[in-house]
Amino acid sequence: MFKKKYLEAGDGKAISKGKTKLVSMLLSRSHSVVSCDGYKSSMIESAFNNFLSSAKNNFVVIGHPKAMSSYSFNKLECFLSKTTKQGHRFSSIHEVFGANKRTASL
């Protein structure tokens, strides 16, 4: 359903999983990284709420530009907008580690 909404922005494709593995993944609990890719972006807010109730210091969201979709861009934008209005601050990897010399000279 709604394939265009979840269509990846890039032209790459993930390695395919077999149907048995896919069904197993859908029916069992799992732990995963907090991701802004595709449908996983719908879980960012829930993961952040769990983070707030923990004693952890850093909340990290990862993603791959080729795996982003209009849905994931929207979810990420809404999450950042809501949480920054609540006073939370986020940094990009570029802000934390700085530009490498090659990028800085471009």
Protein backbone atom coordinates (compact mmCIF):
# COMPACT_ATOMS: atom_id res chain seq x y z
CA MET A 1 0.00 0.00 0.00
CA PHE A 2 1.10 3.61 -0.61
CA LYS A 3 4.36 2.52 -2.28
CA LYS A 4 5.24 6.05 -3.45
CA LYS A 5 5.15 7.31 0.14
CA TYR A 6 7.89 4.84 1.12
CA LEU A 7 9.85 4.89 -2.15
CA GLU A 8 13.54 5.32 -1.43
CA ALA A 9 15.16 8.51 -2.69
CA GLY A 10 18.32 6.72 -3.89
CA ASP A 11 18.77 4.23 -6.67
CA GLY A 12 20.37 1.52 -4.52
CA LYS A 13 18.58 -1.50 -3.11
CA ALA A 14 19.03 -3.41 0.13
CA ILE A 15 20.01 -7.05 0.00
CA SER A 16 16.84 -9.10 -0.23
CA LYS A 17 15.76 -11.37 2.63
CA GLY A 18 13.92 -14.61 2.06
CA LYS A 19 10.20 -14.82 2.83
CA THR A 20 10.80 -17.05 5.87
CA LYS A 21 13.24 -14.54 7.37
CA LEU A 22 10.88 -11.65 6.62
CA VAL A 23 7.93 -13.38 8.34
CA SER A 24 10.17 -14.26 11.30
CA MET A 25 11.29 -10.65 11.63
CA LEU A 26 7.71 -9.37 11.50
CA LEU A 27 6.48 -11.78 14.17
CA SER A 28 9.28 -11.57 16.73
CA ARG A 29 10.67 -8.85 18.97
CA SER A 30 13.93 -7.33 17.97
CA HIS A 31 16.37 -4.62 18.89
CA SER A 32 17.55 -2.23 16.27
CA VAL A 33 19.33 1.04 15.86
CA VAL A 34 17.30 4.23 15.81
CA SER A 35 17.03 4.86 12.11
CA CYS A 36 15.54 7.58 9.95
CA ASP A 37 15.40 5.24 6.95
CA GLY A 38 12.04 4.34 5.43
CA TYR A 39 9.37 3.03 7.76
CA LYS A 40 11.80 2.75 10.71
CA SER A 41 11.58 6.54 10.98
CA SER A 42 8.11 6.05 12.51
CA MET A 43 9.83 4.66 15.62
CA ILE A 44 12.14 7.63 16.32
CA GLU A 45 9.80 9.39 18.74
CA SER A 46 9.10 6.22 20.73
CA ALA A 47 12.83 5.45 20.91
CA PHE A 48 13.51 9.01 22.07
CA ASN A 49 10.89 8.73 24.83
CA ASN A 50 12.56 5.51 26.01
CA PHE A 51 15.91 7.31 25.92
CA LEU A 52 14.56 10.14 28.09
CA SER A 53 13.59 7.67 30.81
CA SER A 54 17.03 6.05 30.76
CA ALA A 55 20.28 7.20 32.30
CA LYS A 56 22.00 7.45 28.92
CA ASN A 57 23.69 10.62 27.74
CA ASN A 58 23.52 10.44 23.95
CA PHE A 59 20.69 9.69 21.53
CA VAL A 60 21.95 8.75 18.07
CA VAL A 61 19.84 8.47 14.93
CA ILE A 62 21.45 6.96 11.86
CA GLY A 63 20.37 6.70 8.28
CA HIS A 64 21.56 6.34 4.75
CA PRO A 65 20.60 9.03 2.23
CA LYS A 66 19.72 6.45 -0.42
CA ALA A 67 17.27 4.76 1.97
CA MET A 68 15.36 7.94 2.80
CA SER A 69 11.83 8.39 1.46
CA SER A 70 9.33 11.24 1.51
CA TYR A 71 7.75 9.47 4.50
CA SER A 72 11.04 9.30 6.42
CA PHE A 73 11.95 12.90 5.59
CA ASN A 74 8.57 13.99 6.95
CA LYS A 75 8.87 11.87 10.12
CA LEU A 76 12.39 13.17 10.81
CA GLU A 77 11.36 16.77 10.24
CA CYS A 78 8.35 16.44 12.56
CA PHE A 79 10.46 14.77 15.26
CA LEU A 80 13.17 17.44 15.13
CA SER A 81 10.62 20.25 15.11
CA LYS A 82 8.70 18.88 18.10
CA THR A 83 11.71 18.02 20.24
CA THR A 84 13.64 21.24 19.56
CA LYS A 85 10.55 23.20 20.62
CA GLN A 86 10.74 21.22 23.88
CA GLY A 87 14.31 22.47 24.36
CA HIS A 88 16.26 19.47 23.12
CA ARG A 89 19.31 20.12 20.94
CA PHE A 90 20.63 17.89 18.20
CA SER A 91 23.97 17.93 16.40
CA SER A 92 25.02 16.47 13.10
CA ILE A 93 28.11 14.32 12.83
CA HIS A 94 29.65 17.23 10.94
CA GLU A 95 29.08 19.55 13.91
CA VAL A 96 30.51 17.06 16.39
CA PHE A 97 33.60 15.98 14.48
CA GLY A 98 34.07 18.90 12.08
CA ALA A 99 34.61 18.86 8.38
CA ASN A 100 37.48 16.83 7.08
CA LYS A 101 40.20 18.77 5.28
CA ARG A 102 39.06 17.68 1.82
CA THR A 103 35.46 18.79 2.39
CA ALA A 104 36.54 22.08 4.00
CA SER A 105 38.56 23.04 0.92
CA LEU A 106 35.67 22.51 -1.51
